Amino acid sequence: MTTISIRLPDNVLNEVDKIAKELNVPRTAYLRQAILTMNSKVKEERRRARVMKLSRRVRKESMRINAEFSEVEHDPGF
């Protein structure tokens, strides 16, 4: 495990210490969980964005295909 050093504003560190104490966990465990939670949130947001982008592409293609079918259905010679 690697050790890191960060600078935090006093008010942020005070809040971290207060909440960690309320949860009865060490400061490092609280900060580690906060980082893991943020990483998970970012991954989920990225996944959601990719799914939405693909969904828009599929929708666009579906609309194009539906328009083609509509032309065929209304073609009196078909």
C-alpha atoms as a PDB file:
ATOM      1  CA  MET A   1       0.000   0.000   0.000  1.00  0.00           C
ATOM      2  CA  THR A   2       1.279   3.453  -0.918  1.00  0.00           C
ATOM      3  CA  THR A   3       1.223   6.407   1.445  1.00  0.00           C
ATOM      4  CA  ILE A   4       0.125   9.810   0.196  1.00  0.00           C
ATOM      5  CA  SER A   5       0.103  13.264   1.698  1.00  0.00           C
ATOM      6  CA  ILE A   6      -2.657  15.786   1.006  1.00  0.00           C
ATOM      7  CA  ARG A   7      -3.436  19.302   2.121  1.00  0.00           C
ATOM      8  CA  LEU A   8      -6.980  19.987   3.240  1.00  0.00           C
ATOM      9  CA  PRO A   9      -8.570  23.179   4.490  1.00  0.00           C
ATOM     10  CA  ASP A  10      -8.981  23.099   8.271  1.00  0.00           C
ATOM     11  CA  ASN A  11     -12.778  23.154   8.058  1.00  0.00           C
ATOM     12  CA  VAL A  12     -12.786  20.097   5.760  1.00  0.00           C
ATOM     13  CA  LEU A  13     -10.415  18.165   8.021  1.00  0.00           C
ATOM     14  CA  ASN A  14     -12.460  19.115  11.085  1.00  0.00           C
ATOM     15  CA  GLU A  15     -15.585  17.770   9.384  1.00  0.00           C
ATOM     16  CA  VAL A  16     -13.761  14.573   8.399  1.00  0.00           C
ATOM     17  CA  ASP A  17     -12.590  14.075  11.966  1.00  0.00           C
ATOM     18  CA  LYS A  18     -16.053  14.770  13.380  1.00  0.00           C
ATOM     19  CA  ILE A  19     -17.813  12.323  11.048  1.00  0.00           C
ATOM     20  CA  ALA A  20     -15.120   9.649  11.406  1.00  0.00           C
ATOM     21  CA  LYS A  21     -15.450   9.889  15.182  1.00  0.00           C
ATOM     22  CA  GLU A  22     -19.267   9.631  14.950  1.00  0.00           C
ATOM     23  CA  LEU A  23     -18.876   6.532  12.774  1.00  0.00           C
ATOM     24  CA  ASN A  24     -16.203   5.175  15.112  1.00  0.00           C
ATOM     25  CA  VAL A  25     -13.703   4.683  12.287  1.00  0.00           C
ATOM     26  CA  PRO A  26     -10.161   5.994  11.924  1.00  0.00           C
ATOM     27  CA  ARG A  27      -9.663   9.096   9.814  1.00  0.00           C
ATOM     28  CA  THR A  28      -7.699   7.149   7.209  1.00  0.00           C
ATOM     29  CA  ALA A  29     -10.459   4.549   6.878  1.00  0.00           C
ATOM     30  CA  TYR A  30     -13.028   7.303   6.414  1.00  0.00           C
ATOM     31  CA  LEU A  31     -10.919   9.075   3.770  1.00  0.00           C
ATOM     32  CA  ARG A  32     -10.154   5.772   2.014  1.00  0.00           C
ATOM     33  CA  GLN A  33     -13.887   4.990   1.820  1.00  0.00           C
ATOM     34  CA  ALA A  34     -14.633   8.523   0.577  1.00  0.00           C
ATOM     35  CA  ILE A  35     -12.124   8.063  -2.247  1.00  0.00           C
ATOM     36  CA  LEU A  36     -13.507   4.617  -3.128  1.00  0.00           C
ATOM     37  CA  THR A  37     -17.042   6.030  -3.145  1.00  0.00           C
ATOM     38  CA  MET A  38     -16.026   8.905  -5.419  1.00  0.00           C
ATOM     39  CA  ASN A  39     -14.187   6.533  -7.777  1.00  0.00           C
ATOM     40  CA  SER A  40     -17.290   4.359  -7.979  1.00  0.00           C
ATOM     41  CA  LYS A  41     -19.493   7.387  -8.659  1.00  0.00           C
ATOM     42  CA  VAL A  42     -17.212   8.630 -11.452  1.00  0.00           C
ATOM     43  CA  LYS A  43     -17.121   5.161 -13.062  1.00  0.00           C
ATOM     44  CA  GLU A  44     -20.919   4.935 -12.911  1.00  0.00           C
ATOM     45  CA  GLU A  45     -21.343   8.408 -14.421  1.00  0.00           C
ATOM     46  CA  ARG A  46     -18.951   7.503 -17.237  1.00  0.00           C
ATOM     47  CA  ARG A  47     -20.792   4.235 -17.865  1.00  0.00           C
ATOM     48  CA  ARG A  48     -24.141   6.053 -17.892  1.00  0.00           C
ATOM     49  CA  ALA A  49     -22.791   8.615 -20.366  1.00  0.00           C
ATOM     50  CA  ARG A  50     -21.534   5.839 -22.678  1.00  0.00           C
ATOM     51  CA  VAL A  51     -24.889   4.037 -22.494  1.00  0.00           C
ATOM     52  CA  MET A  52     -26.772   7.266 -23.252  1.00  0.00           C
ATOM     53  CA  LYS A  53     -24.484   8.008 -26.211  1.00  0.00           C
ATOM     54  CA  LEU A  54     -25.008   4.514 -27.611  1.00  0.00           C
ATOM     55  CA  SER A  55     -28.729   4.743 -26.943  1.00  0.00           C
ATOM     56  CA  ARG A  56     -28.957   7.960 -28.967  1.00  0.00           C
ATOM     57  CA  ARG A  57     -27.070   6.292 -31.836  1.00  0.00           C
ATOM     58  CA  VAL A  58     -29.378   3.272 -31.754  1.00  0.00           C
ATOM     59  CA  ARG A  59     -32.447   5.536 -31.606  1.00  0.00           C
ATOM     60  CA  LYS A  60     -31.226   7.550 -34.579  1.00  0.00           C
ATOM     61  CA  GLU A  61     -30.650   4.374 -36.576  1.00  0.00           C
ATOM     62  CA  SER A  62     -34.043   2.982 -35.527  1.00  0.00           C
ATOM     63  CA  MET A  63     -35.774   6.167 -36.674  1.00  0.00           C
ATOM     64  CA  ARG A  64     -34.018   5.889 -40.043  1.00  0.00           C
ATOM     65  CA  ILE A  65     -35.105   2.261 -40.453  1.00  0.00           C
ATOM     66  CA  ASN A  66     -38.662   3.085 -39.380  1.00  0.00           C
ATOM     67  CA  ALA A  67     -38.784   5.819 -42.019  1.00  0.00           C
ATOM     68  CA  GLU A  68     -37.671   3.315 -44.664  1.00  0.00           C
ATOM     69  CA  PHE A  69     -40.366   0.849 -43.585  1.00  0.00           C
ATOM     70  CA  SER A  70     -42.924   3.635 -43.634  1.00  0.00           C
ATOM     71  CA  GLU A  71     -42.030   4.436 -47.249  1.00  0.00           C
ATOM     72  CA  VAL A  72     -42.387   0.767 -48.216  1.00  0.00           C
ATOM     73  CA  GLU A  73     -45.733   0.418 -46.440  1.00  0.00           C
ATOM     74  CA  HIS A  74     -47.154   3.432 -48.252  1.00  0.00           C
ATOM     75  CA  ASP A  75     -45.775   2.457 -51.668  1.00  0.00           C
ATOM     76  CA  PRO A  76     -48.796   1.425 -53.776  1.00  0.00           C
ATOM     77  CA  GLY A  77     -46.600  -0.688 -56.051  1.00  0.00           C
ATOM     78  CA  PHE A  78     -45.298  -2.882 -53.226  1.00  0.00           C
END
